[in-house]
Amino acid sequence: MYSKRILILQQTNARFAERKKELCGMVKAVNGNGNRTEVTVFVTNADITMPGEWWLLAAFDNFRCAHCLDTLNNCTFSLPEQPLQNVSCVLVKREDACYEAARTHVGNDRCDILFRQCDSLVAARRHDDEREATSYERFVASTDNYYDNLDVSRLKLSADERYRSVQDYSNAFERFYASGGNDEYYQSVKNEISKVFLQFPPYYPLIRKYSESFFVRIDFPSSDKYFVLGVLQKDGEIRYICYGLPALQENFTDKDFVYVDNSPVSFWMLFQDASTGQISVLNDLV
């Protein structure tokens, strides 16, 4: 049966965050794919200049595990299917020892237990990795050409399916205005826009520019063009939805668009009030 749990990582040690920023992130656990639990980890504002390894410790009821994050940008790994009622996660930076950077939980809180067991969980994971590597080497040695039967068309179809979330959001956008816009805009499209944020990669240049923000980059499947979609919040509440086009065209004029100077790419940006749905002007977040 399909089920999903999303947990928000909250900073517990400021030493591992970028200067003047707060480390935060998200852990997504999804059941429904062949008796497996797929886990995705995203972390932002982490100081990645210091040496060491990032690990996620996780507990699902009484099952506990550790995974070394090879990237903080949507690192994904798979587990035997786990219940999602009681989930605890601890983000750890492993240097000369293990240091906790952030944590989150839903249901029973096992974060303290996870951190106390960090060394043993990491050691167990390293042992499993070594065993899997040996098995994989044997598999490769016994396989003439594993990719002969790879179905590229199915891979492309799977990649294109994520664009359905963009269409779903577009439909929710239109329904809001067709109904007269009497509801709060963000609440009326929250489910659809959240799916977009989970389907597309984070766009870090704008995440770093605006505090309490999240942006994704959405490439057009039929060209090399793209746009960005994001949200800005203040005091824990979403205040603006943002739509940005790369500022490649000079002398562009439109009363609704705002030029946002940024590196490596600047943008023409629309800021939409999350409450009314109307195009607005940033006056309290920048």
C-alpha atoms as a PDB file:
ATOM      1  CA  MET A   1       0.000   0.000   0.000  1.00  0.00           C
ATOM      2  CA  TYR A   2       1.302   3.438  -0.925  1.00  0.00           C
ATOM      3  CA  SER A   3       2.153   5.713   1.997  1.00  0.00           C
ATOM      4  CA  LYS A   4       4.475   8.653   2.506  1.00  0.00           C
ATOM      5  CA  ARG A   5       5.988  10.514   5.427  1.00  0.00           C
ATOM      6  CA  ILE A   6       7.828  13.848   5.202  1.00  0.00           C
ATOM      7  CA  LEU A   7       9.911  15.090   8.143  1.00  0.00           C
ATOM      8  CA  ILE A   8      11.635  18.462   8.475  1.00  0.00           C
ATOM      9  CA  LEU A   9      15.165  18.433   9.880  1.00  0.00           C
ATOM     10  CA  GLN A  10      15.785  21.162  12.447  1.00  0.00           C
ATOM     11  CA  GLN A  11      19.245  22.372  13.385  1.00  0.00           C
ATOM     12  CA  THR A  12      20.623  21.312  16.770  1.00  0.00           C
ATOM     13  CA  ASN A  13      24.233  22.457  16.350  1.00  0.00           C
ATOM     14  CA  ALA A  14      24.971  25.741  14.555  1.00  0.00           C
ATOM     15  CA  ARG A  15      28.641  24.788  14.007  1.00  0.00           C
ATOM     16  CA  PHE A  16      27.705  22.808  10.914  1.00  0.00           C
ATOM     17  CA  ALA A  17      25.694  25.554   9.193  1.00  0.00           C
ATOM     18  CA  GLU A  18      26.905  28.213   6.791  1.00  0.00           C
ATOM     19  CA  ARG A  19      27.799  31.484   8.470  1.00  0.00           C
ATOM     20  CA  LYS A  20      24.734  33.490   9.528  1.00  0.00           C
ATOM     21  CA  LYS A  21      22.391  30.776   8.211  1.00  0.00           C
ATOM     22  CA  GLU A  22      20.436  27.963   9.805  1.00  0.00           C
ATOM     23  CA  LEU A  23      20.878  24.408   8.633  1.00  0.00           C
ATOM     24  CA  CYS A  24      17.620  22.734   7.701  1.00  0.00           C
ATOM     25  CA  GLY A  25      16.404  19.926   5.514  1.00  0.00           C
ATOM     26  CA  MET A  26      13.843  17.298   4.676  1.00  0.00           C
ATOM     27  CA  VAL A  27      13.592  13.523   4.904  1.00  0.00           C
ATOM     28  CA  LYS A  28      10.984  11.838   2.709  1.00  0.00           C
ATOM     29  CA  ALA A  29      10.088   8.156   3.191  1.00  0.00           C
ATOM     30  CA  VAL A  30       7.795   6.462   0.658  1.00  0.00           C
ATOM     31  CA  ASN A  31       6.298   2.951   0.693  1.00  0.00           C
ATOM     32  CA  GLY A  32       4.626   1.274  -2.258  1.00  0.00           C
ATOM     33  CA  ASN A  33       7.439   0.287  -4.587  1.00  0.00           C
ATOM     34  CA  GLY A  34       7.975  -3.472  -4.421  1.00  0.00           C
ATOM     35  CA  ASN A  35       8.024  -3.916  -0.638  1.00  0.00           C
ATOM     36  CA  ARG A  36      10.705  -1.247  -0.291  1.00  0.00           C
ATOM     37  CA  THR A  37      10.901   2.041   1.588  1.00  0.00           C
ATOM     38  CA  GLU A  38      12.542   4.730  -0.536  1.00  0.00           C
ATOM     39  CA  VAL A  39      14.215   7.459   1.528  1.00  0.00           C
ATOM     40  CA  THR A  40      15.248  10.845   0.117  1.00  0.00           C
ATOM     41  CA  VAL A  41      17.334  13.346   2.092  1.00  0.00           C
ATOM     42  CA  PHE A  42      17.770  17.029   1.253  1.00  0.00           C
ATOM     43  CA  VAL A  43      19.824  19.428   3.378  1.00  0.00           C
ATOM     44  CA  THR A  44      20.430  23.136   2.818  1.00  0.00           C
ATOM     45  CA  ASN A  45      22.682  25.764   4.414  1.00  0.00           C
ATOM     46  CA  ALA A  46      25.182  23.122   5.541  1.00  0.00           C
ATOM     47  CA  ASP A  47      28.842  24.119   5.689  1.00  0.00           C
ATOM     48  CA  ILE A  48      30.389  21.707   3.189  1.00  0.00           C
ATOM     49  CA  THR A  49      33.861  23.275   3.269  1.00  0.00           C
ATOM     50  CA  MET A  50      34.992  21.302   6.315  1.00  0.00           C
ATOM     51  CA  PRO A  51      36.230  17.710   5.869  1.00  0.00           C
ATOM     52  CA  GLY A  52      34.199  14.801   7.138  1.00  0.00           C
ATOM     53  CA  GLU A  53      31.235  12.616   6.242  1.00  0.00           C
ATOM     54  CA  TRP A  54      27.530  13.359   6.503  1.00  0.00           C
ATOM     55  CA  TRP A  55      25.386  10.488   7.793  1.00  0.00           C
ATOM     56  CA  LEU A  56      21.675  10.055   8.355  1.00  0.00           C
ATOM     57  CA  LEU A  57      20.657   7.845  11.270  1.00  0.00           C
ATOM     58  CA  ALA A  58      17.071   6.609  11.072  1.00  0.00           C
ATOM     59  CA  ALA A  59      14.681   4.602  13.248  1.00  0.00           C
ATOM     60  CA  PHE A  60      11.417   3.077  12.039  1.00  0.00           C
ATOM     61  CA  ASP A  61       9.767   1.625  15.147  1.00  0.00           C
ATOM     62  CA  ASN A  62      12.500  -0.779  16.360  1.00  0.00           C
ATOM     63  CA  PHE A  63      14.457  -0.908  13.071  1.00  0.00           C
ATOM     64  CA  ARG A  64      17.538   1.341  13.071  1.00  0.00           C
ATOM     65  CA  CYS A  65      20.009   2.098  10.324  1.00  0.00           C
ATOM     66  CA  ALA A  66      22.644   4.542   9.079  1.00  0.00           C
ATOM     67  CA  HIS A  67      23.390   5.816   5.580  1.00  0.00           C
ATOM     68  CA  CYS A  68      26.370   7.862   4.380  1.00  0.00           C
ATOM     69  CA  LEU A  69      25.123  10.788   2.283  1.00  0.00           C
ATOM     70  CA  ASP A  70      27.159  11.115  -0.892  1.00  0.00           C
ATOM     71  CA  THR A  71      25.272  14.340  -1.619  1.00  0.00           C
ATOM     72  CA  LEU A  72      23.095  16.719   0.388  1.00  0.00           C
ATOM     73  CA  ASN A  73      21.033  17.411  -2.725  1.00  0.00           C
ATOM     74  CA  ASN A  74      18.313  14.752  -2.699  1.00  0.00           C
ATOM     75  CA  CYS A  75      20.363  11.720  -1.685  1.00  0.00           C
ATOM     76  CA  THR A  76      18.208   8.617  -2.129  1.00  0.00           C
ATOM     77  CA  PHE A  77      18.541   5.148  -0.660  1.00  0.00           C
ATOM     78  CA  SER A  78      16.319   2.102  -0.249  1.00  0.00           C
ATOM     79  CA  LEU A  79      15.374  -0.088   2.727  1.00  0.00           C
ATOM     80  CA  PRO A  80      13.182  -3.131   3.262  1.00  0.00           C
ATOM     81  CA  GLU A  81       9.658  -1.761   3.698  1.00  0.00           C
ATOM     82  CA  GLN A  82       9.213  -0.071   7.080  1.00  0.00           C
ATOM     83  CA  PRO A  83       6.162   1.248   8.990  1.00  0.00           C
ATOM     84  CA  LEU A  84       5.968   5.046   8.877  1.00  0.00           C
ATOM     85  CA  GLN A  85       3.972   5.780  12.046  1.00  0.00           C
ATOM     86  CA  ASN A  86       7.039   6.230  14.268  1.00  0.00           C
ATOM     87  CA  VAL A  87      10.056   7.666  12.480  1.00  0.00           C
ATOM     88  CA  SER A  88      13.109   9.395  13.962  1.00  0.00           C
ATOM     89  CA  CYS A  89      16.094  10.816  12.052  1.00  0.00           C
ATOM     90  CA  VAL A  90      19.377  12.383  13.148  1.00  0.00           C
ATOM     91  CA  LEU A  91      21.740  14.166  10.746  1.00  0.00           C
ATOM     92  CA  VAL A  92      25.327  13.546  11.829  1.00  0.00           C
ATOM     93  CA  LYS A  93      28.676  15.012  10.746  1.00  0.00           C
ATOM     94  CA  ARG A  94      31.444  12.445  11.232  1.00  0.00           C
ATOM     95  CA  GLU A  95      34.859  14.024  11.732  1.00  0.00           C
ATOM     96  CA  ASP A  96      37.195  12.784  14.479  1.00  0.00           C
ATOM     97  CA  ALA A  97      33.966  11.671  16.159  1.00  0.00           C
ATOM     98  CA  CYS A  98      30.245  11.823  15.440  1.00  0.00           C
ATOM     99  CA  TYR A  99      28.537  15.180  16.009  1.00  0.00           C
ATOM    100  CA  GLU A 100      24.814  15.786  15.762  1.00  0.00           C
ATOM    101  CA  ALA A 101      23.812  18.580  13.368  1.00  0.00           C
ATOM    102  CA  ALA A 102      20.002  18.255  13.125  1.00  0.00           C
ATOM    103  CA  ARG A 103      17.148  15.963  14.074  1.00  0.00           C
ATOM    104  CA  THR A 104      13.472  15.284  13.477  1.00  0.00           C
ATOM    105  CA  HIS A 105      10.832  12.766  14.474  1.00  0.00           C
ATOM    106  CA  VAL A 106       7.171  11.861  14.195  1.00  0.00           C
ATOM    107  CA  GLY A 107       5.491   9.616  16.738  1.00  0.00           C
ATOM    108  CA  ASN A 108       7.832   8.078  19.294  1.00  0.00           C
ATOM    109  CA  ASP A 109      11.071  10.048  19.644  1.00  0.00           C
ATOM    110  CA  ARG A 110      14.148   7.813  19.342  1.00  0.00           C
ATOM    111  CA  CYS A 111      16.642  10.511  18.337  1.00  0.00           C
ATOM    112  CA  ASP A 112      18.682  10.276  21.543  1.00  0.00           C
ATOM    113  CA  ILE A 113      18.937   6.494  21.209  1.00  0.00           C
ATOM    114  CA  LEU A 114      20.003   6.834  17.580  1.00  0.00           C
ATOM    115  CA  PHE A 115      22.798   9.233  18.389  1.00  0.00           C
ATOM    116  CA  ARG A 116      24.080   7.063  21.246  1.00  0.00           C
ATOM    117  CA  GLN A 117      24.253   4.140  18.821  1.00  0.00           C
ATOM    118  CA  CYS A 118      25.894   6.187  16.037  1.00  0.00           C
ATOM    119  CA  ASP A 119      29.257   4.379  16.027  1.00  0.00           C
ATOM    120  CA  SER A 120      27.723   0.902  15.957  1.00  0.00           C
ATOM    121  CA  LEU A 121      25.181   1.845  13.258  1.00  0.00           C
ATOM    122  CA  VAL A 122      27.901   3.372  11.057  1.00  0.00           C
ATOM    123  CA  ALA A 123      30.156   0.330  11.545  1.00  0.00           C
ATOM    124  CA  ALA A 124      27.301  -1.996  10.603  1.00  0.00           C
ATOM    125  CA  ARG A 125      26.593   0.016   7.461  1.00  0.00           C
ATOM    126  CA  ARG A 126      30.250  -0.024   6.399  1.00  0.00           C
ATOM    127  CA  HIS A 127      30.300  -3.810   6.824  1.00  0.00           C
ATOM    128  CA  ASP A 128      27.179  -4.155   4.642  1.00  0.00           C
ATOM    129  CA  ASP A 129      28.708  -1.884   1.978  1.00  0.00           C
ATOM    130  CA  GLU A 130      31.849  -4.021   1.804  1.00  0.00           C
ATOM    131  CA  ARG A 131      29.768  -7.181   1.465  1.00  0.00           C
ATOM    132  CA  GLU A 132      27.582  -5.618  -1.243  1.00  0.00           C
ATOM    133  CA  ALA A 133      30.655  -4.428  -3.149  1.00  0.00           C
ATOM    134  CA  THR A 134      32.044  -7.969  -3.220  1.00  0.00           C
ATOM    135  CA  SER A 135      28.699  -9.350  -4.419  1.00  0.00           C
ATOM    136  CA  TYR A 136      28.517  -6.707  -7.133  1.00  0.00           C
ATOM    137  CA  GLU A 137      32.013  -7.557  -8.379  1.00  0.00           C
ATOM    138  CA  ARG A 138      30.962 -11.197  -8.711  1.00  0.00           C
ATOM    139  CA  PHE A 139      27.818 -10.142 -10.559  1.00  0.00           C
ATOM    140  CA  VAL A 140      29.752  -7.986 -13.054  1.00  0.00           C
ATOM    141  CA  ALA A 141      32.264 -10.764 -13.655  1.00  0.00           C
ATOM    142  CA  SER A 142      29.451 -13.185 -14.512  1.00  0.00           C
ATOM    143  CA  THR A 143      27.549 -10.782 -16.793  1.00  0.00           C
ATOM    144  CA  ASP A 144      28.534 -10.290 -20.421  1.00  0.00           C
ATOM    145  CA  ASN A 145      26.628  -7.045 -21.023  1.00  0.00           C
ATOM    146  CA  TYR A 146      24.075  -6.122 -18.396  1.00  0.00           C
ATOM    147  CA  TYR A 147      22.736  -3.141 -20.361  1.00  0.00           C
ATOM    148  CA  ASP A 148      21.818  -4.991 -23.561  1.00  0.00           C
ATOM    149  CA  ASN A 149      18.121  -5.147 -22.589  1.00  0.00           C
ATOM    150  CA  LEU A 150      17.835  -1.717 -21.004  1.00  0.00           C
ATOM    151  CA  ASP A 151      14.572  -0.064 -22.117  1.00  0.00           C
ATOM    152  CA  VAL A 152      15.547   3.557 -22.771  1.00  0.00           C
ATOM    153  CA  SER A 153      12.012   4.527 -23.814  1.00  0.00           C
ATOM    154  CA  ARG A 154      10.660   3.475 -20.398  1.00  0.00           C
ATOM    155  CA  LEU A 155      13.404   5.460 -18.659  1.00  0.00           C
ATOM    156  CA  LYS A 156      12.420   8.556 -20.643  1.00  0.00           C
ATOM    157  CA  LEU A 157       8.742   8.017 -19.837  1.00  0.00           C
ATOM    158  CA  SER A 158       9.550   7.771 -16.140  1.00  0.00           C
ATOM    159  CA  ALA A 159      11.568  10.991 -16.299  1.00  0.00           C
ATOM    160  CA  ASP A 160       8.748  12.815 -18.080  1.00  0.00           C
ATOM    161  CA  GLU A 161       6.133  11.752 -15.526  1.00  0.00           C
ATOM    162  CA  ARG A 162       7.408  14.289 -13.029  1.00  0.00           C
ATOM    163  CA  TYR A 163       6.137  17.059 -15.302  1.00  0.00           C
ATOM    164  CA  ARG A 164       2.621  15.952 -14.432  1.00  0.00           C
ATOM    165  CA  SER A 165       3.136  17.679 -11.077  1.00  0.00           C
ATOM    166  CA  VAL A 166       3.739  20.970 -12.928  1.00  0.00           C
ATOM    167  CA  GLN A 167       0.529  20.501 -14.909  1.00  0.00           C
ATOM    168  CA  ASP A 168      -1.371  19.641 -11.719  1.00  0.00           C
ATOM    169  CA  TYR A 169      -0.125  22.856 -10.122  1.00  0.00           C
ATOM    170  CA  SER A 170      -1.078  24.836 -13.221  1.00  0.00           C
ATOM    171  CA  ASN A 171      -4.603  23.379 -13.037  1.00  0.00           C
ATOM    172  CA  ALA A 172      -4.878  24.271  -9.324  1.00  0.00           C
ATOM    173  CA  PHE A 173      -3.671  27.797 -10.173  1.00  0.00           C
ATOM    174  CA  GLU A 174      -6.429  28.189 -12.755  1.00  0.00           C
ATOM    175  CA  ARG A 175      -9.119  26.721 -10.464  1.00  0.00           C
ATOM    176  CA  PHE A 176      -8.299  29.305  -7.798  1.00  0.00           C
ATOM    177  CA  TYR A 177      -8.924  32.244 -10.101  1.00  0.00           C
ATOM    178  CA  ALA A 178     -11.897  30.591 -11.809  1.00  0.00           C
ATOM    179  CA  SER A 179     -13.581  30.229  -8.421  1.00  0.00           C
ATOM    180  CA  GLY A 180     -13.204  33.938  -7.733  1.00  0.00           C
ATOM    181  CA  GLY A 181     -10.141  33.684  -5.507  1.00  0.00           C
ATOM    182  CA  ASN A 182     -12.111  33.701  -2.269  1.00  0.00           C
ATOM    183  CA  ASP A 183      -9.859  31.237  -0.438  1.00  0.00           C
ATOM    184  CA  GLU A 184      -6.287  31.698   0.754  1.00  0.00           C
ATOM    185  CA  TYR A 185      -4.177  31.019  -2.323  1.00  0.00           C
ATOM    186  CA  TYR A 186      -1.313  28.989  -0.859  1.00  0.00           C
ATOM    187  CA  GLN A 187      -3.621  26.728   1.147  1.00  0.00           C
ATOM    188  CA  SER A 188      -5.679  26.023  -1.974  1.00  0.00           C
ATOM    189  CA  VAL A 189      -2.633  24.876  -4.010  1.00  0.00           C
ATOM    190  CA  LYS A 190      -0.443  23.536  -1.192  1.00  0.00           C
ATOM    191  CA  ASN A 191      -0.698  19.868  -2.171  1.00  0.00           C
ATOM    192  CA  GLU A 192       0.093  20.491  -5.833  1.00  0.00           C
ATOM    193  CA  ILE A 193       3.009  22.872  -5.291  1.00  0.00           C
ATOM    194  CA  SER A 194       4.525  20.538  -2.681  1.00  0.00           C
ATOM    195  CA  LYS A 195       4.618  17.740  -5.273  1.00  0.00           C
ATOM    196  CA  VAL A 196       6.530  20.018  -7.643  1.00  0.00           C
ATOM    197  CA  PHE A 197       9.102  20.747  -4.932  1.00  0.00           C
ATOM    198  CA  LEU A 198       9.577  17.011  -4.350  1.00  0.00           C
ATOM    199  CA  GLN A 199       9.930  16.163  -8.053  1.00  0.00           C
ATOM    200  CA  PHE A 200      12.518  18.737  -9.169  1.00  0.00           C
ATOM    201  CA  PRO A 201      16.052  19.529  -7.955  1.00  0.00           C
ATOM    202  CA  PRO A 202      16.637  22.382  -5.487  1.00  0.00           C
ATOM    203  CA  TYR A 203      18.104  25.563  -6.954  1.00  0.00           C
ATOM    204  CA  TYR A 204      20.762  26.535  -4.440  1.00  0.00           C
ATOM    205  CA  PRO A 205      21.829  29.982  -5.769  1.00  0.00           C
ATOM    206  CA  LEU A 206      18.411  31.438  -4.834  1.00  0.00           C
ATOM    207  CA  ILE A 207      18.054  29.332  -1.677  1.00  0.00           C
ATOM    208  CA  ARG A 208      21.298  30.941  -0.497  1.00  0.00           C
ATOM    209  CA  LYS A 209      20.162  34.422  -1.538  1.00  0.00           C
ATOM    210  CA  TYR A 210      16.910  34.460   0.449  1.00  0.00           C
ATOM    211  CA  SER A 211      16.739  33.288   4.033  1.00  0.00           C
ATOM    212  CA  GLU A 212      13.802  30.972   4.800  1.00  0.00           C
ATOM    213  CA  SER A 213      13.345  30.098   1.134  1.00  0.00           C
ATOM    214  CA  PHE A 214      13.138  27.053  -1.097  1.00  0.00           C
ATOM    215  CA  PHE A 215      13.486  27.031  -4.902  1.00  0.00           C
ATOM    216  CA  VAL A 216      13.534  24.329  -7.558  1.00  0.00           C
ATOM    217  CA  ARG A 217      14.726  24.438 -11.153  1.00  0.00           C
ATOM    218  CA  ILE A 218      12.273  23.163 -13.776  1.00  0.00           C
ATOM    219  CA  ASP A 219      13.745  22.452 -17.202  1.00  0.00           C
ATOM    220  CA  PHE A 220      11.488  22.526 -20.246  1.00  0.00           C
ATOM    221  CA  PRO A 221      11.553  18.959 -21.643  1.00  0.00           C
ATOM    222  CA  SER A 222      11.500  20.171 -25.257  1.00  0.00           C
ATOM    223  CA  SER A 223      14.312  22.758 -25.063  1.00  0.00           C
ATOM    224  CA  ASP A 224      17.339  23.882 -23.059  1.00  0.00           C
ATOM    225  CA  LYS A 225      15.336  26.623 -21.309  1.00  0.00           C
ATOM    226  CA  TYR A 226      14.218  26.529 -17.684  1.00  0.00           C
ATOM    227  CA  PHE A 227      12.480  28.508 -14.976  1.00  0.00           C
ATOM    228  CA  VAL A 228      12.544  28.495 -11.194  1.00  0.00           C
ATOM    229  CA  LEU A 229       9.683  28.119  -8.735  1.00  0.00           C
ATOM    230  CA  GLY A 230      10.056  28.934  -5.070  1.00  0.00           C
ATOM    231  CA  VAL A 231       8.521  30.086  -1.813  1.00  0.00           C
ATOM    232  CA  LEU A 232       9.626  32.695   0.695  1.00  0.00           C
ATOM    233  CA  GLN A 233       8.511  32.512   4.292  1.00  0.00           C
ATOM    234  CA  LYS A 234       8.732  34.693   7.372  1.00  0.00           C
ATOM    235  CA  ASP A 235       8.215  33.578  10.963  1.00  0.00           C
ATOM    236  CA  GLY A 236       7.409  30.081   9.725  1.00  0.00           C
ATOM    237  CA  GLU A 237       4.628  31.153   7.328  1.00  0.00           C
ATOM    238  CA  ILE A 238       4.741  31.124   3.524  1.00  0.00           C
ATOM    239  CA  ARG A 239       4.470  34.749   2.383  1.00  0.00           C
ATOM    240  CA  TYR A 240       5.290  34.653  -1.343  1.00  0.00           C
ATOM    241  CA  ILE A 241       5.335  32.199  -4.232  1.00  0.00           C
ATOM    242  CA  CYS A 242       8.052  33.126  -6.737  1.00  0.00           C
ATOM    243  CA  TYR A 243       8.335  32.486 -10.472  1.00  0.00           C
ATOM    244  CA  GLY A 244      11.627  33.335 -12.166  1.00  0.00           C
ATOM    245  CA  LEU A 245      12.942  33.395 -15.728  1.00  0.00           C
ATOM    246  CA  PRO A 246      16.692  33.716 -16.401  1.00  0.00           C
ATOM    247  CA  ALA A 247      17.465  37.337 -17.226  1.00  0.00           C
ATOM    248  CA  LEU A 248      19.037  36.679 -20.617  1.00  0.00           C
ATOM    249  CA  GLN A 249      17.064  39.360 -22.444  1.00  0.00           C
ATOM    250  CA  GLU A 250      18.189  42.976 -22.070  1.00  0.00           C
ATOM    251  CA  ASN A 251      15.868  45.982 -21.906  1.00  0.00           C
ATOM    252  CA  PHE A 252      12.962  43.800 -20.753  1.00  0.00           C
ATOM    253  CA  THR A 253      10.153  45.907 -19.282  1.00  0.00           C
ATOM    254  CA  ASP A 254       7.054  44.703 -17.481  1.00  0.00           C
ATOM    255  CA  LYS A 255       5.437  46.335 -14.473  1.00  0.00           C
ATOM    256  CA  ASP A 256       4.922  42.998 -12.716  1.00  0.00           C
ATOM    257  CA  PHE A 257       8.428  41.559 -13.098  1.00  0.00           C
ATOM    258  CA  VAL A 258      11.267  42.425 -10.747  1.00  0.00           C
ATOM    259  CA  TYR A 259      14.916  42.122 -11.719  1.00  0.00           C
ATOM    260  CA  VAL A 260      16.748  39.919  -9.196  1.00  0.00           C
ATOM    261  CA  ASP A 261      20.513  40.250  -9.390  1.00  0.00           C
ATOM    262  CA  ASN A 262      22.167  36.966  -8.506  1.00  0.00           C
ATOM    263  CA  SER A 263      25.114  34.735  -9.371  1.00  0.00           C
ATOM    264  CA  PRO A 264      25.656  32.783 -11.566  1.00  0.00           C
ATOM    265  CA  VAL A 265      22.329  33.781 -13.204  1.00  0.00           C
ATOM    266  CA  SER A 266      20.057  36.743 -12.578  1.00  0.00           C
ATOM    267  CA  PHE A 267      16.283  36.467 -12.959  1.00  0.00           C
ATOM    268  CA  TRP A 268      13.153  38.337 -13.907  1.00  0.00           C
ATOM    269  CA  MET A 269      10.909  37.405 -10.992  1.00  0.00           C
ATOM    270  CA  LEU A 270       7.211  37.508 -10.204  1.00  0.00           C
ATOM    271  CA  PHE A 271       6.268  37.572  -6.513  1.00  0.00           C
ATOM    272  CA  GLN A 272       2.786  36.289  -5.745  1.00  0.00           C
ATOM    273  CA  ASP A 273       1.162  37.002  -2.395  1.00  0.00           C
ATOM    274  CA  ALA A 274       0.550  33.633  -0.722  1.00  0.00           C
ATOM    275  CA  SER A 275      -2.638  34.864   0.925  1.00  0.00           C
ATOM    276  CA  THR A 276      -4.441  36.732  -1.854  1.00  0.00           C
ATOM    277  CA  GLY A 277      -2.825  35.158  -4.909  1.00  0.00           C
ATOM    278  CA  GLN A 278      -2.182  38.621  -6.348  1.00  0.00           C
ATOM    279  CA  ILE A 279       1.125  39.750  -7.864  1.00  0.00           C
ATOM    280  CA  SER A 280       2.877  41.693  -5.141  1.00  0.00           C
ATOM    281  CA  VAL A 281       6.054  43.578  -4.307  1.00  0.00           C
ATOM    282  CA  LEU A 282       8.623  42.337  -1.854  1.00  0.00           C
ATOM    283  CA  ASN A 283       8.595  44.837   0.976  1.00  0.00           C
ATOM    284  CA  ASP A 284       9.299  42.922   4.152  1.00  0.00           C
ATOM    285  CA  LEU A 285      11.607  39.987   3.374  1.00  0.00           C
ATOM    286  CA  VAL A 286      14.554  41.384   1.422  1.00  0.00           C
END
